[in-house]
Amino acid sequence: MMILIGVILLITNAVSFGLMAHDKRCARQGRWRVPEKVLFLAAACFGGLGGVLGMQLLRHKTKHWFFRVFFPLMLAVQVVAVLLVLRTMVGV
């Protein structure tokens, strides 16, 4: 079960980071962009780490206060949720 949780987290964070990278690439090329609500949805679906890494490593959406505030906040909530689930599974 813990492996499944790890795989799901890996996939959701990779998708979130990939969406940030794709949006940054589209922004540079003047093409259609990924809607901000899609970026938020990806981060909210346990892709918070991928979103935060995308912001920091790609320097993307860092001037938008709502991304600077809510992406790290979503990540913190997700870390706590995962830790609570793992704690419940281990039985501590």
N, C-alpha and C. Protein backbone atom coordinates (compact mmCIF):
# COMPACT_ATOMS: atom_id res chain seq x y z
N MET A 1 0.82 -1.20 0.00
CA MET A 1 0.00 0.00 0.00
C MET A 1 0.86 1.26 0.00
N MET A 2 1.96 1.24 0.78
CA MET A 2 2.83 2.42 0.82
C MET A 2 3.51 2.65 -0.53
N ILE A 3 3.80 1.56 -1.24
CA ILE A 3 4.39 1.70 -2.57
C ILE A 3 3.39 2.35 -3.52
N LEU A 4 2.13 1.95 -3.42
CA LEU A 4 1.09 2.54 -4.25
C LEU A 4 0.95 4.04 -3.98
N ILE A 5 0.97 4.41 -2.72
CA ILE A 5 0.89 5.84 -2.36
C ILE A 5 2.09 6.58 -2.95
N GLY A 6 3.26 6.00 -2.85
CA GLY A 6 4.46 6.62 -3.41
C GLY A 6 4.38 6.79 -4.91
N VAL A 7 3.88 5.77 -5.60
CA VAL A 7 3.74 5.84 -7.06
C VAL A 7 2.73 6.92 -7.45
N ILE A 8 1.61 6.97 -6.74
CA ILE A 8 0.59 7.99 -7.03
C ILE A 8 1.15 9.38 -6.82
N LEU A 9 1.87 9.57 -5.72
CA LEU A 9 2.47 10.88 -5.45
C LEU A 9 3.51 11.25 -6.51
N LEU A 10 4.29 10.28 -6.93
CA LEU A 10 5.29 10.52 -7.97
C LEU A 10 4.62 10.95 -9.28
N ILE A 11 3.57 10.26 -9.66
CA ILE A 11 2.86 10.57 -10.91
C ILE A 11 2.20 11.94 -10.83
N THR A 12 1.48 12.22 -9.76
CA THR A 12 0.77 13.49 -9.67
C THR A 12 1.74 14.67 -9.62
N ASN A 13 2.86 14.50 -8.95
CA ASN A 13 3.84 15.58 -8.90
C ASN A 13 4.56 15.76 -10.23
N ALA A 14 4.80 14.67 -10.92
CA ALA A 14 5.42 14.76 -12.25
C ALA A 14 4.47 15.46 -13.22
N VAL A 15 3.19 15.16 -13.14
CA VAL A 15 2.20 15.83 -14.00
C VAL A 15 2.14 17.32 -13.67
N SER A 16 2.12 17.64 -12.40
CA SER A 16 2.06 19.04 -11.98
C SER A 16 3.29 19.80 -12.48
N PHE A 17 4.47 19.22 -12.29
CA PHE A 17 5.69 19.85 -12.77
C PHE A 17 5.67 19.97 -14.30
N GLY A 18 5.23 18.91 -14.97
CA GLY A 18 5.16 18.93 -16.43
C GLY A 18 4.23 20.00 -16.96
N LEU A 19 3.11 20.21 -16.29
CA LEU A 19 2.19 21.27 -16.70
C LEU A 19 2.82 22.65 -16.53
N MET A 20 3.56 22.82 -15.44
CA MET A 20 4.25 24.10 -15.23
C MET A 20 5.30 24.31 -16.32
N ALA A 21 6.05 23.27 -16.66
CA ALA A 21 7.07 23.36 -17.71
C ALA A 21 6.43 23.65 -19.06
N HIS A 22 5.34 22.97 -19.35
CA HIS A 22 4.65 23.19 -20.62
C HIS A 22 4.11 24.62 -20.71
N ASP A 23 3.53 25.11 -19.63
CA ASP A 23 3.00 26.47 -19.62
C ASP A 23 4.12 27.49 -19.80
N LYS A 24 5.25 27.27 -19.16
CA LYS A 24 6.39 28.18 -19.30
C LYS A 24 6.87 28.19 -20.75
N ARG A 25 6.97 27.00 -21.34
CA ARG A 25 7.40 26.89 -22.74
C ARG A 25 6.42 27.61 -23.67
N CYS A 26 5.13 27.42 -23.44
CA CYS A 26 4.12 28.09 -24.27
C CYS A 26 4.18 29.60 -24.09
N ALA A 27 4.44 30.05 -22.87
CA ALA A 27 4.53 31.49 -22.61
C ALA A 27 5.69 32.10 -23.40
N ARG A 28 6.81 31.40 -23.43
CA ARG A 28 7.97 31.91 -24.16
C ARG A 28 7.73 31.95 -25.66
N GLN A 29 6.95 31.00 -26.16
CA GLN A 29 6.73 30.88 -27.60
C GLN A 29 5.48 31.62 -28.07
N GLY A 30 4.74 32.22 -27.14
CA GLY A 30 3.54 32.95 -27.50
C GLY A 30 2.39 32.06 -27.94
N ARG A 31 2.36 30.82 -27.45
CA ARG A 31 1.30 29.88 -27.81
C ARG A 31 0.23 29.85 -26.73
N TRP A 32 -0.82 29.04 -26.98
CA TRP A 32 -1.89 28.87 -26.00
C TRP A 32 -1.30 28.37 -24.69
N ARG A 33 -1.78 28.93 -23.60
CA ARG A 33 -1.26 28.62 -22.28
C ARG A 33 -2.16 27.63 -21.55
N VAL A 34 -1.60 26.99 -20.54
CA VAL A 34 -2.37 26.12 -19.66
C VAL A 34 -3.17 27.03 -18.72
N PRO A 35 -4.49 26.85 -18.64
CA PRO A 35 -5.27 27.71 -17.73
C PRO A 35 -4.78 27.58 -16.29
N GLU A 36 -4.80 28.71 -15.58
CA GLU A 36 -4.32 28.71 -14.19
C GLU A 36 -5.11 27.76 -13.32
N LYS A 37 -6.41 27.60 -13.60
CA LYS A 37 -7.20 26.67 -12.79
C LYS A 37 -6.74 25.23 -12.98
N VAL A 38 -6.20 24.89 -14.14
CA VAL A 38 -5.66 23.55 -14.37
C VAL A 38 -4.37 23.37 -13.56
N LEU A 39 -3.54 24.41 -13.52
CA LEU A 39 -2.32 24.34 -12.72
C LEU A 39 -2.66 24.16 -11.24
N PHE A 40 -3.66 24.91 -10.77
CA PHE A 40 -4.09 24.77 -9.38
C PHE A 40 -4.69 23.40 -9.11
N LEU A 41 -5.49 22.90 -10.03
CA LEU A 41 -6.10 21.58 -9.86
C LEU A 41 -5.03 20.49 -9.77
N ALA A 42 -4.02 20.58 -10.63
CA ALA A 42 -2.94 19.60 -10.60
C ALA A 42 -2.19 19.65 -9.27
N ALA A 43 -1.95 20.85 -8.78
CA ALA A 43 -1.26 20.98 -7.48
C ALA A 43 -2.16 20.52 -6.34
N ALA A 44 -3.44 20.77 -6.45
CA ALA A 44 -4.37 20.38 -5.38
C ALA A 44 -4.56 18.86 -5.31
N CYS A 45 -4.37 18.18 -6.41
CA CYS A 45 -4.53 16.72 -6.44
C CYS A 45 -3.22 16.04 -6.05
N PHE A 46 -2.67 16.46 -4.93
CA PHE A 46 -1.43 15.94 -4.37
C PHE A 46 -0.24 16.12 -5.30
N GLY A 47 -0.27 17.20 -6.10
CA GLY A 47 0.87 17.57 -6.93
C GLY A 47 1.52 18.85 -6.45
N GLY A 48 1.39 19.12 -5.15
CA GLY A 48 1.92 20.37 -4.59
C GLY A 48 3.43 20.49 -4.72
N LEU A 49 4.16 19.40 -4.50
CA LEU A 49 5.61 19.45 -4.62
C LEU A 49 6.03 19.75 -6.05
N GLY A 50 5.38 19.11 -7.01
CA GLY A 50 5.69 19.38 -8.42
C GLY A 50 5.41 20.82 -8.80
N GLY A 51 4.31 21.38 -8.27
CA GLY A 51 3.99 22.77 -8.54
C GLY A 51 5.00 23.73 -7.93
N VAL A 52 5.38 23.47 -6.70
CA VAL A 52 6.36 24.34 -6.03
C VAL A 52 7.72 24.22 -6.72
N LEU A 53 8.12 23.00 -7.06
CA LEU A 53 9.39 22.84 -7.78
C LEU A 53 9.34 23.51 -9.15
N GLY A 54 8.21 23.41 -9.82
CA GLY A 54 8.06 24.08 -11.11
C GLY A 54 8.19 25.59 -10.98
N MET A 55 7.60 26.12 -9.93
CA MET A 55 7.71 27.57 -9.70
C MET A 55 9.17 27.96 -9.46
N GLN A 56 9.84 27.23 -8.61
CA GLN A 56 11.20 27.61 -8.20
C GLN A 56 12.24 27.31 -9.29
N LEU A 57 12.22 26.10 -9.83
CA LEU A 57 13.25 25.72 -10.79
C LEU A 57 13.06 26.39 -12.15
N LEU A 58 11.81 26.58 -12.55
CA LEU A 58 11.53 27.17 -13.85
C LEU A 58 11.28 28.67 -13.78
N ARG A 59 11.22 29.19 -12.56
CA ARG A 59 10.90 30.61 -12.33
C ARG A 59 9.61 30.98 -13.07
N HIS A 60 8.60 30.19 -12.76
CA HIS A 60 7.32 30.36 -13.46
C HIS A 60 6.22 30.66 -12.45
N LYS A 61 5.42 31.66 -12.72
CA LYS A 61 4.28 32.07 -11.89
C LYS A 61 4.73 32.61 -10.52
N THR A 62 5.97 33.03 -10.42
CA THR A 62 6.48 33.50 -9.13
C THR A 62 6.03 34.92 -8.81
N LYS A 63 5.54 35.65 -9.78
CA LYS A 63 5.07 37.02 -9.54
C LYS A 63 3.60 37.07 -9.14
N HIS A 64 2.91 35.94 -9.26
CA HIS A 64 1.50 35.87 -8.89
C HIS A 64 1.40 35.49 -7.42
N TRP A 65 0.86 36.37 -6.60
CA TRP A 65 0.83 36.13 -5.15
C TRP A 65 0.06 34.87 -4.80
N PHE A 66 -1.02 34.60 -5.53
CA PHE A 66 -1.83 33.42 -5.19
C PHE A 66 -1.09 32.12 -5.46
N PHE A 67 -0.18 32.10 -6.42
CA PHE A 67 0.65 30.91 -6.63
C PHE A 67 1.71 30.82 -5.53
N ARG A 68 2.32 31.97 -5.20
CA ARG A 68 3.36 31.99 -4.16
C ARG A 68 2.82 31.58 -2.80
N VAL A 69 1.54 31.87 -2.55
CA VAL A 69 0.94 31.54 -1.25
C VAL A 69 0.33 30.15 -1.26
N PHE A 70 -0.51 29.86 -2.24
CA PHE A 70 -1.31 28.65 -2.19
C PHE A 70 -0.57 27.38 -2.60
N PHE A 71 0.40 27.46 -3.49
CA PHE A 71 1.15 26.24 -3.84
C PHE A 71 1.91 25.69 -2.63
N PRO A 72 2.70 26.51 -1.93
CA PRO A 72 3.36 25.98 -0.73
C PRO A 72 2.37 25.57 0.36
N LEU A 73 1.26 26.29 0.47
CA LEU A 73 0.24 25.92 1.46
C LEU A 73 -0.36 24.56 1.13
N MET A 74 -0.67 24.34 -0.15
CA MET A 74 -1.20 23.03 -0.56
C MET A 74 -0.17 21.93 -0.30
N LEU A 75 1.09 22.23 -0.57
CA LEU A 75 2.14 21.24 -0.31
C LEU A 75 2.20 20.89 1.17
N ALA A 76 2.13 21.89 2.03
CA ALA A 76 2.18 21.63 3.48
C ALA A 76 1.00 20.77 3.93
N VAL A 77 -0.18 21.09 3.45
CA VAL A 77 -1.37 20.31 3.80
C VAL A 77 -1.23 18.87 3.30
N GLN A 78 -0.69 18.71 2.10
CA GLN A 78 -0.53 17.38 1.53
C GLN A 78 0.51 16.56 2.29
N VAL A 79 1.58 17.20 2.72
CA VAL A 79 2.59 16.48 3.51
C VAL A 79 1.98 15.99 4.82
N VAL A 80 1.22 16.86 5.48
CA VAL A 80 0.57 16.46 6.73
C VAL A 80 -0.42 15.32 6.48
N ALA A 81 -1.20 15.41 5.40
CA ALA A 81 -2.18 14.37 5.10
C ALA A 81 -1.49 13.03 4.83
N VAL A 82 -0.42 13.05 4.06
CA VAL A 82 0.30 11.81 3.76
C VAL A 82 0.91 11.23 5.04
N LEU A 83 1.49 12.08 5.87
CA LEU A 83 2.06 11.60 7.12
C LEU A 83 1.00 10.99 8.03
N LEU A 84 -0.18 11.59 8.08
CA LEU A 84 -1.27 11.04 8.88
C LEU A 84 -1.73 9.68 8.35
N VAL A 85 -1.81 9.56 7.05
CA VAL A 85 -2.21 8.28 6.45
C VAL A 85 -1.16 7.22 6.74
N LEU A 86 0.11 7.57 6.55
CA LEU A 86 1.18 6.61 6.82
C LEU A 86 1.23 6.23 8.29
N ARG A 87 1.00 7.20 9.14
CA ARG A 87 0.98 6.91 10.59
C ARG A 87 -0.15 5.94 10.93
N THR A 88 -1.30 6.15 10.31
CA THR A 88 -2.44 5.26 10.52
C THR A 88 -2.14 3.86 10.01
N MET A 89 -1.47 3.77 8.87
CA MET A 89 -1.15 2.47 8.30
C MET A 89 -0.16 1.71 9.15
N VAL A 90 0.81 2.41 9.71
CA VAL A 90 1.82 1.77 10.53
C VAL A 90 1.25 1.43 11.90
N GLY A 91 0.28 2.22 12.35
CA GLY A 91 -0.37 1.94 13.61
C GLY A 91 0.31 2.58 14.81
N VAL A 92 1.03 3.66 14.55
CA VAL A 92 1.72 4.35 15.65
C VAL A 92 0.79 5.28 16.36
